[in-house]
Each structure stands twice: as structure tokens, then as C-alpha cells.
C-alpha atoms as a PDB file:
ATOM      1  CA  MET A   1      68.210 109.499 162.548  1.00  0.00           C
ATOM      2  CA  LEU A   2      71.186 107.015 161.171  1.00  0.00           C
ATOM      3  CA  ASN A   3      74.583 107.826 163.054  1.00  0.00           C
ATOM      4  CA  LYS A   4      77.914 107.709 161.046  1.00  0.00           C
ATOM      5  CA  GLN A   5      79.227 104.478 162.206  1.00  0.00           C
ATOM      6  CA  LYS A   6      75.829 102.789 161.311  1.00  0.00           C
ATOM      7  CA  ARG A   7      75.735 104.389 157.696  1.00  0.00           C
ATOM      8  CA  MET A   8      79.006 103.477 157.180  1.00  0.00           C
ATOM      9  CA  LEU A   9      78.120  99.475 158.042  1.00  0.00           C
ATOM     10  CA  PHE A  10      75.213  99.796 155.906  1.00  0.00           C
ATOM     11  CA  GLU A  11      76.758 101.496 152.731  1.00  0.00           C
ATOM     12  CA  LYS A  12      79.819  98.272 153.253  1.00  0.00           C
ATOM     13  CA  GLN A  13      77.024  95.826 153.274  1.00  0.00           C
ATOM     14  CA  ALA A  14      75.510  97.258 150.193  1.00  0.00           C
ATOM     15  CA  GLU A  15      78.765  96.753 148.709  1.00  0.00           C
ATOM     16  CA  VAL A  16      78.761  93.230 149.379  1.00  0.00           C
ATOM     17  CA  ALA A  17      75.389  93.210 147.994  1.00  0.00           C
ATOM     18  CA  LYS A  18      76.407  94.710 144.729  1.00  0.00           C
ATOM     19  CA  ALA A  19      79.026  92.759 144.529  1.00  0.00           C
ATOM     20  CA  ILE A  20      77.169  89.028 144.373  1.00  0.00           C
ATOM     21  CA  ALA A  21      73.905  90.393 142.711  1.00  0.00           C
ATOM     22  CA  HIS A  22      75.209  88.871 139.396  1.00  0.00           C
ATOM     23  CA  PRO A  23      73.559  85.549 138.150  1.00  0.00           C
ATOM     24  CA  LEU A  24      77.318  84.555 137.368  1.00  0.00           C
ATOM     25  CA  ARG A  25      78.558  85.638 140.249  1.00  0.00           C
ATOM     26  CA  ILE A  26      76.073  83.522 142.391  1.00  0.00           C
ATOM     27  CA  ALA A  27      77.388  80.514 140.045  1.00  0.00           C
ATOM     28  CA  ILE A  28      81.023  81.093 140.750  1.00  0.00           C
ATOM     29  CA  LEU A  29      80.443  81.689 144.625  1.00  0.00           C
ATOM     30  CA  ASP A  30      78.078  78.157 144.123  1.00  0.00           C
ATOM     31  CA  PHE A  31      81.224  76.588 142.281  1.00  0.00           C
ATOM     32  CA  LEU A  32      83.683  77.754 144.835  1.00  0.00           C
ATOM     33  CA  LYS A  33      81.620  76.446 148.089  1.00  0.00           C
ATOM     34  CA  ASN A  34      83.644  73.210 148.067  1.00  0.00           C
ATOM     35  CA  ARG A  35      87.274  74.499 147.140  1.00  0.00           C
ATOM     36  CA  GLU A  36      89.448  76.956 145.513  1.00  0.00           C
ATOM     37  CA  GLN A  37      89.281  77.025 141.845  1.00  0.00           C
ATOM     38  CA  CYS A  38      91.603  78.709 139.093  1.00  0.00           C
ATOM     39  CA  VAL A  39      90.007  80.869 136.792  1.00  0.00           C
ATOM     40  CA  CYS A  40      89.821  78.667 133.631  1.00  0.00           C
ATOM     41  CA  ASP A  41      88.007  75.915 135.521  1.00  0.00           C
ATOM     42  CA  ILE A  42      85.661  78.367 137.030  1.00  0.00           C
ATOM     43  CA  ALA A  43      85.039  79.780 133.789  1.00  0.00           C
ATOM     44  CA  GLU A  44      84.577  76.449 132.000  1.00  0.00           C
ATOM     45  CA  HIS A  45      82.315  75.376 134.561  1.00  0.00           C
ATOM     46  CA  ILE A  46      80.158  78.336 134.276  1.00  0.00           C
ATOM     47  CA  GLY A  47      80.318  78.555 130.239  1.00  0.00           C
ATOM     48  CA  SER A  48      81.894  81.681 129.839  1.00  0.00           C
ATOM     49  CA  GLU A  49      85.020  83.221 128.598  1.00  0.00           C
ATOM     50  CA  GLN A  50      87.733  83.831 131.130  1.00  0.00           C
ATOM     51  CA  SER A  51      87.940  87.634 130.681  1.00  0.00           C
ATOM     52  CA  ASN A  52      84.272  88.034 131.454  1.00  0.00           C
ATOM     53  CA  VAL A  53      84.736  85.714 134.572  1.00  0.00           C
ATOM     54  CA  SER A  54      88.041  87.616 135.752  1.00  0.00           C
ATOM     55  CA  ARG A  55      85.925  90.901 135.362  1.00  0.00           C
ATOM     56  CA  HIS A  56      83.346  89.059 137.759  1.00  0.00           C
ATOM     57  CA  LEU A  57      85.702  88.030 139.625  1.00  0.00           C
ATOM     58  CA  SER A  58      87.526  91.257 140.798  1.00  0.00           C
ATOM     59  CA  VAL A  59      84.566  92.802 141.642  1.00  0.00           C
ATOM     60  CA  MET A  60      84.069  90.605 144.274  1.00  0.00           C
ATOM     61  CA  VAL A  61      87.463  90.568 145.289  1.00  0.00           C
ATOM     62  CA  LYS A  62      87.409  94.113 145.838  1.00  0.00           C
ATOM     63  CA  ALA A  63      84.215  93.880 147.672  1.00  0.00           C
ATOM     64  CA  GLY A  64      85.971  91.333 150.143  1.00  0.00           C
ATOM     65  CA  VAL A  65      84.046  88.625 148.971  1.00  0.00           C
ATOM     66  CA  LEU A  66      86.707  86.138 147.928  1.00  0.00           C
ATOM     67  CA  GLU A  67      90.636  86.283 147.916  1.00  0.00           C
ATOM     68  CA  CYS A  68      92.754  85.074 145.396  1.00  0.00           C
ATOM     69  CA  ARG A  69      96.470  83.953 145.418  1.00  0.00           C
ATOM     70  CA  LYS A  70      98.908  82.852 142.463  1.00  0.00           C
ATOM     71  CA  ASP A  71     100.140  79.589 141.667  1.00  0.00           C
ATOM     72  CA  GLY A  72     102.599  80.054 138.683  1.00  0.00           C
ATOM     73  CA  LEU A  73     100.860  81.066 135.941  1.00  0.00           C
ATOM     74  CA  LYS A  74      97.343  80.317 137.296  1.00  0.00           C
ATOM     75  CA  VAL A  75      95.249  82.632 139.487  1.00  0.00           C
ATOM     76  CA  ILE A  76      93.425  80.656 142.353  1.00  0.00           C
ATOM     77  CA  TYR A  77      90.311  81.810 143.907  1.00  0.00           C
ATOM     78  CA  LYS A  78      88.448  81.100 146.855  1.00  0.00           C
ATOM     79  CA  LEU A  79      85.666  82.098 149.399  1.00  0.00           C
ATOM     80  CA  LYS A  80      87.035  84.611 152.105  1.00  0.00           C
ATOM     81  CA  THR A  81      83.897  83.869 154.205  1.00  0.00           C
ATOM     82  CA  THR A  82      81.655  80.297 153.594  1.00  0.00           C
ATOM     83  CA  CYS A  83      78.968  82.226 155.292  1.00  0.00           C
ATOM     84  CA  ILE A  84      78.162  84.451 152.330  1.00  0.00           C
ATOM     85  CA  LEU A  85      76.462  81.279 150.892  1.00  0.00           C
ATOM     86  CA  ASP A  86      73.992  81.470 154.007  1.00  0.00           C
ATOM     87  CA  CYS A  87      72.334  84.839 152.223  1.00  0.00           C
ATOM     88  CA  PHE A  88      71.213  82.353 149.615  1.00  0.00           C
ATOM     89  CA  SER A  89      69.489  79.968 151.520  1.00  0.00           C
ATOM     90  CA  CYS A  90      67.718  82.501 152.740  1.00  0.00           C
ATOM     91  CA  ILE A  91      66.788  84.310 149.454  1.00  0.00           C
ATOM     92  CA  THR A  92      65.993  80.717 148.417  1.00  0.00           C
ATOM     93  CA  THR A  93      63.541  80.323 151.359  1.00  0.00           C
ATOM     94  CA  CYS A  94      61.997  83.990 149.956  1.00  0.00           C
ATOM     95  CA  LEU A  95      61.490  82.631 146.897  1.00  0.00           C
ATOM     96  CA  LYS A  96      59.445  79.440 147.953  1.00  0.00           C
ATOM     97  CA  GLN A  97      57.146  81.935 149.939  1.00  0.00           C
ATOM     98  CA  GLN A  98      56.754  83.976 147.232  1.00  0.00           C
ATOM     99  CA  ALA A  99      55.490  80.834 145.513  1.00  0.00           C
ATOM    100  CA  LYS A 100      53.379  79.679 147.866  1.00  0.00           C
ATOM    101  CA  GLU A 101      51.675  82.915 147.750  1.00  0.00           C
ATOM    102  CA  ASN A 102      51.466  83.532 144.287  1.00  0.00           C
ATOM    103  CA  GLU A 103      49.680  79.667 144.252  1.00  0.00           C
ATOM    104  CA  LYS A 104      47.073  81.521 146.654  1.00  0.00           C
ATOM    105  CA  LEU A 105      46.507  83.809 144.156  1.00  0.00           C
ATOM    106  CA  PHE A 106      46.077  82.184 141.361  1.00  0.00           C
ATOM    107  CA  GLY A 107      44.032  79.803 142.998  1.00  0.00           C
ATOM    108  CA  VAL A 108      41.576  82.331 143.851  1.00  0.00           C
ATOM    109  CA  LEU A 109      41.614  84.071 140.427  1.00  0.00           C
ATOM    110  CA  SER A 110      41.225  80.805 138.746  1.00  0.00           C
ATOM    111  CA  LYS A 111      37.715  80.188 140.403  1.00  0.00           C
END
């Protein structure tokens, strides 16, 4: 049985996972990997309305994935920890493995 601390850790991990589990949010994280950016530049880069991007950014700030600061009238966002990007490398490796397995399966089926 899980102890209370372990359960709380898993709940917090799930919150972070939910906060990044959206294609636009992944695109935002990728855009922020090299430097901090304002909302207007993020919105332009990913091709979405600023209000929509702001909602996504808010979710990730609340989950502790991003941090923000005011610079005059602009709000600037950056990754709180760049290691969050490591999980996407792992996911990509999983996808490549699935592709290999599917290739083998479909190879067998086509015979």
C-alpha cells in the first residue's frame, strides 16, 4: 500500500504531466528551451491567439513548469527547470520503439 508521502508525490507528478499534456503546450515548451519569451512572441511562433496562449501559459505556471515576470507591459515566460524537456526525449524514444514494433507487425501481416 502506498504511504501518504508517496501518494502526494504521485499526485503532484500527475499535475505536472497534465499541465504539459497538450500539443500547444509542448510547442510552447520547445520554443522556450533556449530563452525566455513574451506572450506575443510565443503566440506568433505557435500560430495561436494571444488569449489562448495565455491560458495555456497560466496552466503551466500554476503547475510549476514555467515562471513569469513583468517587463513593462509585457509578461515574459521561461522554463522553471529545463529538465522538463528530457521527458519529451524519452517519449520520442518510446514512439520510435512503437514504430519499429508496428513495422514488424505489419511486415508479418503483409506476407
